[in-house]
């Protein structure tokens, strides 16, 4: 009987199991970066604010006073017409 398939399957299963925590950890740190970037996009006015968090956004704007709203691509396209 040929056991190569069983051995390769078991090896792949172990490699996936061992590397899964590494992937989760890396996605956690990339995801955190994206959440912070999204918050700055909201503060710049590129996306609408959550009305339930208006106090939070006011505090963030006070923390970053030189963060001026910059026009988004869609706003620039509308102004040209």
PDB file of N, CA and C in Angstrom:
ATOM      1  N   UNK A   1       0.831  -1.179   0.000  1.00  0.00           N
ATOM      2  CA  UNK A   1       0.000   0.000   0.000  1.00  0.00           C
ATOM      3  C   UNK A   1       0.882   1.251   0.000  1.00  0.00           C
ATOM      4  N   UNK A   2       0.413   2.320  -0.640  1.00  0.00           N
ATOM      5  CA  UNK A   2       1.184   3.542  -0.750  1.00  0.00           C
ATOM      6  C   UNK A   2       0.723   4.526   0.337  1.00  0.00           C
ATOM      7  N   UNK A   3       1.638   4.853   1.242  1.00  0.00           N
ATOM      8  CA  UNK A   3       1.304   5.742   2.359  1.00  0.00           C
ATOM      9  C   UNK A   3       1.740   7.188   2.120  1.00  0.00           C
ATOM     10  N   UNK A   4       2.258   7.476   0.924  1.00  0.00           N
ATOM     11  CA  UNK A   4       2.731   8.830   0.652  1.00  0.00           C
ATOM     12  C   UNK A   4       1.605   9.857   0.764  1.00  0.00           C
ATOM     13  N   UNK A   5       0.437   9.550   0.262  1.00  0.00           N
ATOM     14  CA  UNK A   5      -0.692  10.478   0.327  1.00  0.00           C
ATOM     15  C   UNK A   5      -1.104  10.777   1.756  1.00  0.00           C
ATOM     16  N   UNK A   6      -1.110   9.745   2.582  1.00  0.00           N
ATOM     17  CA  UNK A   6      -1.481   9.922   3.988  1.00  0.00           C
ATOM     18  C   UNK A   6      -0.435  10.774   4.701  1.00  0.00           C
ATOM     19  N   UNK A   7       0.844  10.523   4.409  1.00  0.00           N
ATOM     20  CA  UNK A   7       1.906  11.301   5.050  1.00  0.00           C
ATOM     21  C   UNK A   7       1.873  12.764   4.604  1.00  0.00           C
ATOM     22  N   UNK A   8       1.666  13.008   3.314  1.00  0.00           N
ATOM     23  CA  UNK A   8       1.583  14.386   2.821  1.00  0.00           C
ATOM     24  C   UNK A   8       0.371  15.091   3.419  1.00  0.00           C
ATOM     25  N   UNK A   9      -0.748  14.422   3.495  1.00  0.00           N
ATOM     26  CA  UNK A   9      -1.950  15.012   4.089  1.00  0.00           C
ATOM     27  C   UNK A   9      -1.744  15.359   5.555  1.00  0.00           C
ATOM     28  N   UNK A  10      -1.110  14.454   6.303  1.00  0.00           N
ATOM     29  CA  UNK A  10      -0.840  14.718   7.719  1.00  0.00           C
ATOM     30  C   UNK A  10       0.140  15.875   7.881  1.00  0.00           C
ATOM     31  N   UNK A  11       1.157  15.943   7.003  1.00  0.00           N
ATOM     32  CA  UNK A  11       2.128  17.031   7.083  1.00  0.00           C
ATOM     33  C   UNK A  11       1.459  18.371   6.788  1.00  0.00           C
ATOM     34  N   UNK A  12       0.609  18.415   5.774  1.00  0.00           N
ATOM     35  CA  UNK A  12      -0.095  19.652   5.437  1.00  0.00           C
ATOM     36  C   UNK A  12      -1.005  20.069   6.581  1.00  0.00           C
ATOM     37  N   UNK A  13      -1.700  19.125   7.172  1.00  0.00           N
ATOM     38  CA  UNK A  13      -2.580  19.413   8.300  1.00  0.00           C
ATOM     39  C   UNK A  13      -1.793  20.003   9.470  1.00  0.00           C
ATOM     40  N   UNK A  14      -0.623  19.445   9.764  1.00  0.00           N
ATOM     41  CA  UNK A  14       0.206  19.961  10.857  1.00  0.00           C
ATOM     42  C   UNK A  14       0.759  21.353  10.537  1.00  0.00           C
ATOM     43  N   UNK A  15       1.190  21.563   9.311  1.00  0.00           N
ATOM     44  CA  UNK A  15       1.723  22.873   8.932  1.00  0.00           C
ATOM     45  C   UNK A  15       0.646  23.946   9.035  1.00  0.00           C
ATOM     46  N   UNK A  16      -0.553  23.628   8.572  1.00  0.00           N
ATOM     47  CA  UNK A  16      -1.663  24.582   8.688  1.00  0.00           C
ATOM     48  C   UNK A  16      -1.964  24.866  10.154  1.00  0.00           C
ATOM     49  N   UNK A  17      -1.977  23.838  10.976  1.00  0.00           N
ATOM     50  CA  UNK A  17      -2.250  24.015  12.405  1.00  0.00           C
ATOM     51  C   UNK A  17      -1.186  24.829  13.113  1.00  0.00           C
ATOM     52  N   UNK A  18       0.068  24.647  12.717  1.00  0.00           N
ATOM     53  CA  UNK A  18       1.161  25.386  13.350  1.00  0.00           C
ATOM     54  C   UNK A  18       1.178  26.838  12.882  1.00  0.00           C
ATOM     55  N   UNK A  19       0.920  27.081  11.615  1.00  0.00           N
ATOM     56  CA  UNK A  19       1.002  28.443  11.062  1.00  0.00           C
ATOM     57  C   UNK A  19      -0.256  29.274  11.302  1.00  0.00           C
ATOM     58  N   UNK A  20      -1.348  28.653  11.686  1.00  0.00           N
ATOM     59  CA  UNK A  20      -2.595  29.395  11.881  1.00  0.00           C
ATOM     60  C   UNK A  20      -2.463  30.501  12.929  1.00  0.00           C
ATOM     61  N   UNK A  21      -1.850  30.269  14.096  1.00  0.00           N
ATOM     62  CA  UNK A  21      -1.698  31.378  15.058  1.00  0.00           C
ATOM     63  C   UNK A  21      -0.858  32.530  14.509  1.00  0.00           C
ATOM     64  N   UNK A  22       0.122  32.226  13.674  1.00  0.00           N
ATOM     65  CA  UNK A  22       0.942  33.281  13.079  1.00  0.00           C
ATOM     66  C   UNK A  22       0.090  34.147  12.153  1.00  0.00           C
ATOM     67  N   UNK A  23      -0.745  33.514  11.351  1.00  0.00           N
ATOM     68  CA  UNK A  23      -1.619  34.258  10.439  1.00  0.00           C
ATOM     69  C   UNK A  23      -2.595  35.131  11.224  1.00  0.00           C
ATOM     70  N   UNK A  24      -3.168  34.596  12.290  1.00  0.00           N
ATOM     71  CA  UNK A  24      -4.111  35.364  13.110  1.00  0.00           C
ATOM     72  C   UNK A  24      -3.410  36.573  13.720  1.00  0.00           C
ATOM     73  N   UNK A  25      -2.196  36.394  14.226  1.00  0.00           N
ATOM     74  CA  UNK A  25      -1.455  37.495  14.838  1.00  0.00           C
ATOM     75  C   UNK A  25      -1.134  38.581  13.809  1.00  0.00           C
ATOM     76  N   UNK A  26      -0.707  38.174  12.615  1.00  0.00           N
ATOM     77  CA  UNK A  26      -0.372  39.147  11.584  1.00  0.00           C
ATOM     78  C   UNK A  26      -1.621  39.896  11.110  1.00  0.00           C
ATOM     79  N   UNK A  27      -2.733  39.210  10.990  1.00  0.00           N
ATOM     80  CA  UNK A  27      -3.960  39.877  10.566  1.00  0.00           C
ATOM     81  C   UNK A  27      -4.438  40.855  11.624  1.00  0.00           C
ATOM     82  N   UNK A  28      -4.193  40.534  12.897  1.00  0.00           N
ATOM     83  CA  UNK A  28      -4.567  41.442  13.986  1.00  0.00           C
ATOM     84  C   UNK A  28      -3.838  42.773  13.818  1.00  0.00           C
ATOM     85  N   UNK A  29      -2.510  42.724  13.602  1.00  0.00           N
ATOM     86  CA  UNK A  29      -1.751  43.959  13.472  1.00  0.00           C
ATOM     87  C   UNK A  29      -2.081  44.686  12.174  1.00  0.00           C
ATOM     88  N   UNK A  30      -2.304  44.064  11.074  1.00  0.00           N
ATOM     89  CA  UNK A  30      -2.685  44.764   9.839  1.00  0.00           C
ATOM     90  C   UNK A  30      -4.065  45.357   9.979  1.00  0.00           C
ATOM     91  N   UNK A  31      -4.954  44.606  10.679  1.00  0.00           N
ATOM     92  CA  UNK A  31      -6.309  45.116  10.877  1.00  0.00           C
ATOM     93  C   UNK A  31      -6.325  46.361  11.745  1.00  0.00           C
ATOM     94  N   UNK A  32      -5.460  46.414  12.767  1.00  0.00           N
ATOM     95  CA  UNK A  32      -5.385  47.585  13.634  1.00  0.00           C
ATOM     96  C   UNK A  32      -4.952  48.803  12.830  1.00  0.00           C
ATOM     97  N   UNK A  33      -4.005  48.628  11.962  1.00  0.00           N
ATOM     98  CA  UNK A  33      -3.549  49.741  11.124  1.00  0.00           C
ATOM     99  C   UNK A  33      -4.693  50.268  10.258  1.00  0.00           C
ATOM    100  N   UNK A  34      -5.475  49.377   9.711  1.00  0.00           N
ATOM    101  CA  UNK A  34      -6.584  49.787   8.848  1.00  0.00           C
ATOM    102  C   UNK A  34      -7.655  50.523   9.652  1.00  0.00           C
ATOM    103  N   UNK A  35      -7.922  50.094  10.881  1.00  0.00           N
ATOM    104  CA  UNK A  35      -8.916  50.782  11.700  1.00  0.00           C
ATOM    105  C   UNK A  35      -8.480  52.205  12.019  1.00  0.00           C
ATOM    106  N   UNK A  36      -7.190  52.387  12.325  1.00  0.00           N
ATOM    107  CA  UNK A  36      -6.698  53.738  12.591  1.00  0.00           C
ATOM    108  C   UNK A  36      -6.758  54.599  11.333  1.00  0.00           C
ATOM    109  N   UNK A  37      -6.445  54.005  10.195  1.00  0.00           N
ATOM    110  CA  UNK A  37      -6.512  54.754   8.941  1.00  0.00           C
ATOM    111  C   UNK A  37      -7.956  55.144   8.625  1.00  0.00           C
ATOM    112  N   UNK A  38      -8.909  54.268   8.906  1.00  0.00           N
ATOM    113  CA  UNK A  38     -10.314  54.595   8.673  1.00  0.00           C
ATOM    114  C   UNK A  38     -10.761  55.752   9.553  1.00  0.00           C
ATOM    115  N   UNK A  39     -10.282  55.775  10.788  1.00  0.00           N
ATOM    116  CA  UNK A  39     -10.658  56.858  11.691  1.00  0.00           C
ATOM    117  C   UNK A  39     -10.159  58.202  11.153  1.00  0.00           C
ATOM    118  N   UNK A  40      -8.936  58.239  10.631  1.00  0.00           N
ATOM    119  CA  UNK A  40      -8.427  59.486  10.069  1.00  0.00           C
ATOM    120  C   UNK A  40      -9.177  59.874   8.803  1.00  0.00           C
ATOM    121  N   UNK A  41      -9.635  58.893   8.038  1.00  0.00           N
ATOM    122  CA  UNK A  41     -10.431  59.218   6.850  1.00  0.00           C
ATOM    123  C   UNK A  41     -11.745  59.884   7.250  1.00  0.00           C
ATOM    124  N   UNK A  42     -12.336  59.424   8.348  1.00  0.00           N
ATOM    125  CA  UNK A  42     -13.576  60.039   8.838  1.00  0.00           C
ATOM    126  C   UNK A  42     -13.291  61.450   9.338  1.00  0.00           C
ATOM    127  N   UNK A  43     -12.183  61.615  10.066  1.00  0.00           N
ATOM    128  CA  UNK A  43     -11.844  62.940  10.577  1.00  0.00           C
ATOM    129  C   UNK A  43     -11.537  63.924   9.454  1.00  0.00           C
ATOM    130  N   UNK A  44     -11.000  63.446   8.356  1.00  0.00           N
ATOM    131  CA  UNK A  44     -10.723  64.318   7.215  1.00  0.00           C
ATOM    132  C   UNK A  44     -11.985  64.652   6.431  1.00  0.00           C
ATOM    133  N   UNK A  45     -13.071  63.939   6.692  1.00  0.00           N
ATOM    134  CA  UNK A  45     -14.321  64.218   6.009  1.00  0.00           C
ATOM    135  C   UNK A  45     -14.543  63.392   4.762  1.00  0.00           C
ATOM    136  N   UNK A  46     -13.736  62.375   4.556  1.00  0.00           N
ATOM    137  CA  UNK A  46     -13.893  61.531   3.376  1.00  0.00           C
ATOM    138  C   UNK A  46     -15.095  60.610   3.504  1.00  0.00           C
ATOM    139  N   UNK A  47     -15.451  60.245   4.734  1.00  0.00           N
ATOM    140  CA  UNK A  47     -16.572  59.343   4.980  1.00  0.00           C
ATOM    141  C   UNK A  47     -17.444  59.935   6.067  1.00  0.00           C
ATOM    142  N   UNK A  48     -18.727  59.589   6.105  1.00  0.00           N
ATOM    143  CA  UNK A  48     -19.618  60.162   7.118  1.00  0.00           C
ATOM    144  C   UNK A  48     -19.304  59.630   8.510  1.00  0.00           C
ATOM    145  N   UNK A  49     -19.578  60.468   9.491  1.00  0.00           N
ATOM    146  CA  UNK A  49     -19.373  60.081  10.882  1.00  0.00           C
ATOM    147  C   UNK A  49     -20.545  59.258  11.382  1.00  0.00           C
ATOM    148  N   UNK A  50     -20.280  58.486  12.406  1.00  0.00           N
ATOM    149  CA  UNK A  50     -21.339  57.797  13.122  1.00  0.00           C
ATOM    150  C   UNK A  50     -21.994  58.816  14.046  1.00  0.00           C
ATOM    151  N   UNK A  51     -23.285  59.108  13.878  1.00  0.00           N
ATOM    152  CA  UNK A  51     -23.916  60.148  14.700  1.00  0.00           C
ATOM    153  C   UNK A  51     -23.904  59.810  16.191  1.00  0.00           C
ATOM    154  N   UNK A  52     -23.826  58.548  16.539  1.00  0.00           N
ATOM    155  CA  UNK A  52     -23.802  58.167  17.951  1.00  0.00           C
ATOM    156  C   UNK A  52     -22.451  58.458  18.601  1.00  0.00           C
ATOM    157  N   UNK A  53     -21.401  58.721  17.783  1.00  0.00           N
ATOM    158  CA  UNK A  53     -20.063  58.964  18.319  1.00  0.00           C
ATOM    159  C   UNK A  53     -19.598  60.387  18.057  1.00  0.00           C
ATOM    160  N   UNK A  54     -20.512  61.329  17.974  1.00  0.00           N
ATOM    161  CA  UNK A  54     -20.133  62.703  17.645  1.00  0.00           C
ATOM    162  C   UNK A  54     -19.235  63.312  18.718  1.00  0.00           C
ATOM    163  N   UNK A  55     -19.446  62.973  19.985  1.00  0.00           N
ATOM    164  CA  UNK A  55     -18.577  63.491  21.051  1.00  0.00           C
ATOM    165  C   UNK A  55     -17.151  62.971  20.891  1.00  0.00           C
ATOM    166  N   UNK A  56     -17.024  61.722  20.510  1.00  0.00           N
ATOM    167  CA  UNK A  56     -15.702  61.131  20.300  1.00  0.00           C
ATOM    168  C   UNK A  56     -14.968  61.839  19.164  1.00  0.00           C
ATOM    169  N   UNK A  57     -15.648  62.088  18.057  1.00  0.00           N
ATOM    170  CA  UNK A  57     -15.012  62.754  16.928  1.00  0.00           C
ATOM    171  C   UNK A  57     -14.629  64.192  17.273  1.00  0.00           C
ATOM    172  N   UNK A  58     -15.427  64.858  18.113  1.00  0.00           N
ATOM    173  CA  UNK A  58     -15.083  66.215  18.545  1.00  0.00           C
ATOM    174  C   UNK A  58     -13.803  66.197  19.373  1.00  0.00           C
ATOM    175  N   UNK A  59     -13.663  65.216  20.262  1.00  0.00           N
ATOM    176  CA  UNK A  59     -12.432  65.094  21.053  1.00  0.00           C
ATOM    177  C   UNK A  59     -11.236  64.792  20.156  1.00  0.00           C
ATOM    178  N   UNK A  60     -11.425  63.945  19.157  1.00  0.00           N
ATOM    179  CA  UNK A  60     -10.325  63.610  18.255  1.00  0.00           C
ATOM    180  C   UNK A  60      -9.909  64.827  17.428  1.00  0.00           C
ATOM    181  N   UNK A  61     -10.868  65.632  16.989  1.00  0.00           N
ATOM    182  CA  UNK A  61     -10.534  66.836  16.229  1.00  0.00           C
ATOM    183  C   UNK A  61      -9.782  67.843  17.095  1.00  0.00           C
ATOM    184  N   UNK A  62     -10.121  67.897  18.392  1.00  0.00           N
ATOM    185  CA  UNK A  62      -9.389  68.781  19.301  1.00  0.00           C
ATOM    186  C   UNK A  62      -7.964  68.266  19.512  1.00  0.00           C
ATOM    187  N   UNK A  63      -7.787  66.964  19.472  1.00  0.00           N
ATOM    188  CA  UNK A  63      -6.458  66.375  19.651  1.00  0.00           C
ATOM    189  C   UNK A  63      -5.567  66.639  18.438  1.00  0.00           C
ATOM    190  N   UNK A  64      -6.152  66.674  17.246  1.00  0.00           N
ATOM    191  CA  UNK A  64      -5.412  66.911  16.003  1.00  0.00           C
ATOM    192  C   UNK A  64      -5.923  68.195  15.337  1.00  0.00           C
ATOM    193  N   UNK A  65      -5.543  69.365  15.852  1.00  0.00           N
ATOM    194  CA  UNK A  65      -6.111  70.603  15.304  1.00  0.00           C
ATOM    195  C   UNK A  65      -5.646  70.925  13.888  1.00  0.00           C
ATOM    196  N   UNK A  66      -4.477  70.467  13.490  1.00  0.00           N
ATOM    197  CA  UNK A  66      -3.991  70.797  12.144  1.00  0.00           C
ATOM    198  C   UNK A  66      -4.413  69.773  11.098  1.00  0.00           C
ATOM    199  N   UNK A  67      -5.298  68.871  11.447  1.00  0.00           N
ATOM    200  CA  UNK A  67      -5.816  67.890  10.498  1.00  0.00           C
ATOM    201  C   UNK A  67      -6.970  68.546   9.748  1.00  0.00           C
ATOM    202  N   UNK A  68      -6.677  69.054   8.584  1.00  0.00           N
ATOM    203  CA  UNK A  68      -7.693  69.766   7.813  1.00  0.00           C
ATOM    204  C   UNK A  68      -8.411  68.794   6.898  1.00  0.00           C
ATOM    205  N   UNK A  69      -9.676  68.991   6.703  1.00  0.00           N
ATOM    206  CA  UNK A  69     -10.394  68.128   5.763  1.00  0.00           C
ATOM    207  C   UNK A  69      -9.847  68.305   4.353  1.00  0.00           C
ATOM    208  N   UNK A  70      -9.543  67.211   3.721  1.00  0.00           N
ATOM    209  CA  UNK A  70      -9.090  67.246   2.337  1.00  0.00           C
ATOM    210  C   UNK A  70     -10.176  66.636   1.472  1.00  0.00           C
ATOM    211  N   UNK A  71     -10.359  67.146   0.290  1.00  0.00           N
ATOM    212  CA  UNK A  71     -11.441  66.625  -0.548  1.00  0.00           C
ATOM    213  C   UNK A  71     -11.150  65.208  -1.021  1.00  0.00           C
ATOM    214  N   UNK A  72     -12.176  64.404  -1.050  1.00  0.00           N
ATOM    215  CA  UNK A  72     -12.024  63.051  -1.565  1.00  0.00           C
ATOM    216  C   UNK A  72     -12.093  63.077  -3.086  1.00  0.00           C
ATOM    217  N   UNK A  73     -11.791  61.974  -3.690  1.00  0.00           N
ATOM    218  CA  UNK A  73     -11.798  61.879  -5.143  1.00  0.00           C
ATOM    219  C   UNK A  73     -13.191  62.145  -5.708  1.00  0.00           C
ATOM    220  N   UNK A  74     -14.219  61.592  -5.043  1.00  0.00           N
ATOM    221  CA  UNK A  74     -15.580  61.785  -5.553  1.00  0.00           C
ATOM    222  C   UNK A  74     -16.007  63.244  -5.436  1.00  0.00           C
ATOM    223  N   UNK A  75     -15.577  63.935  -4.381  1.00  0.00           N
ATOM    224  CA  UNK A  75     -15.910  65.353  -4.249  1.00  0.00           C
ATOM    225  C   UNK A  75     -15.224  66.177  -5.318  1.00  0.00           C
ATOM    226  N   UNK A  76     -13.980  65.823  -5.646  1.00  0.00           N
ATOM    227  CA  UNK A  76     -13.281  66.546  -6.708  1.00  0.00           C
ATOM    228  C   UNK A  76     -13.966  66.360  -8.046  1.00  0.00           C
ATOM    229  N   UNK A  77     -14.448  65.157  -8.312  1.00  0.00           N
ATOM    230  CA  UNK A  77     -15.128  64.904  -9.583  1.00  0.00           C
ATOM    231  C   UNK A  77     -16.425  65.694  -9.679  1.00  0.00           C
ATOM    232  N   UNK A  78     -17.138  65.822  -8.577  1.00  0.00           N
ATOM    233  CA  UNK A  78     -18.383  66.577  -8.587  1.00  0.00           C
ATOM    234  C   UNK A  78     -18.138  68.072  -8.797  1.00  0.00           C
ATOM    235  N   UNK A  79     -17.045  68.600  -8.267  1.00  0.00           N
ATOM    236  CA  UNK A  79     -16.768  70.033  -8.388  1.00  0.00           C
ATOM    237  C   UNK A  79     -16.406  70.403  -9.821  1.00  0.00           C
ATOM    238  N   UNK A  80     -15.816  69.493 -10.569  1.00  0.00           N
ATOM    239  CA  UNK A  80     -15.410  69.800 -11.934  1.00  0.00           C
ATOM    240  C   UNK A  80     -16.599  69.976 -12.856  1.00  0.00           C
ATOM    241  N   UNK A  81     -17.704  69.316 -12.571  1.00  0.00           N
ATOM    242  CA  UNK A  81     -18.857  69.354 -13.480  1.00  0.00           C
ATOM    243  C   UNK A  81     -19.614  70.636 -13.416  1.00  0.00           C
TER     244      UNK A  81
END
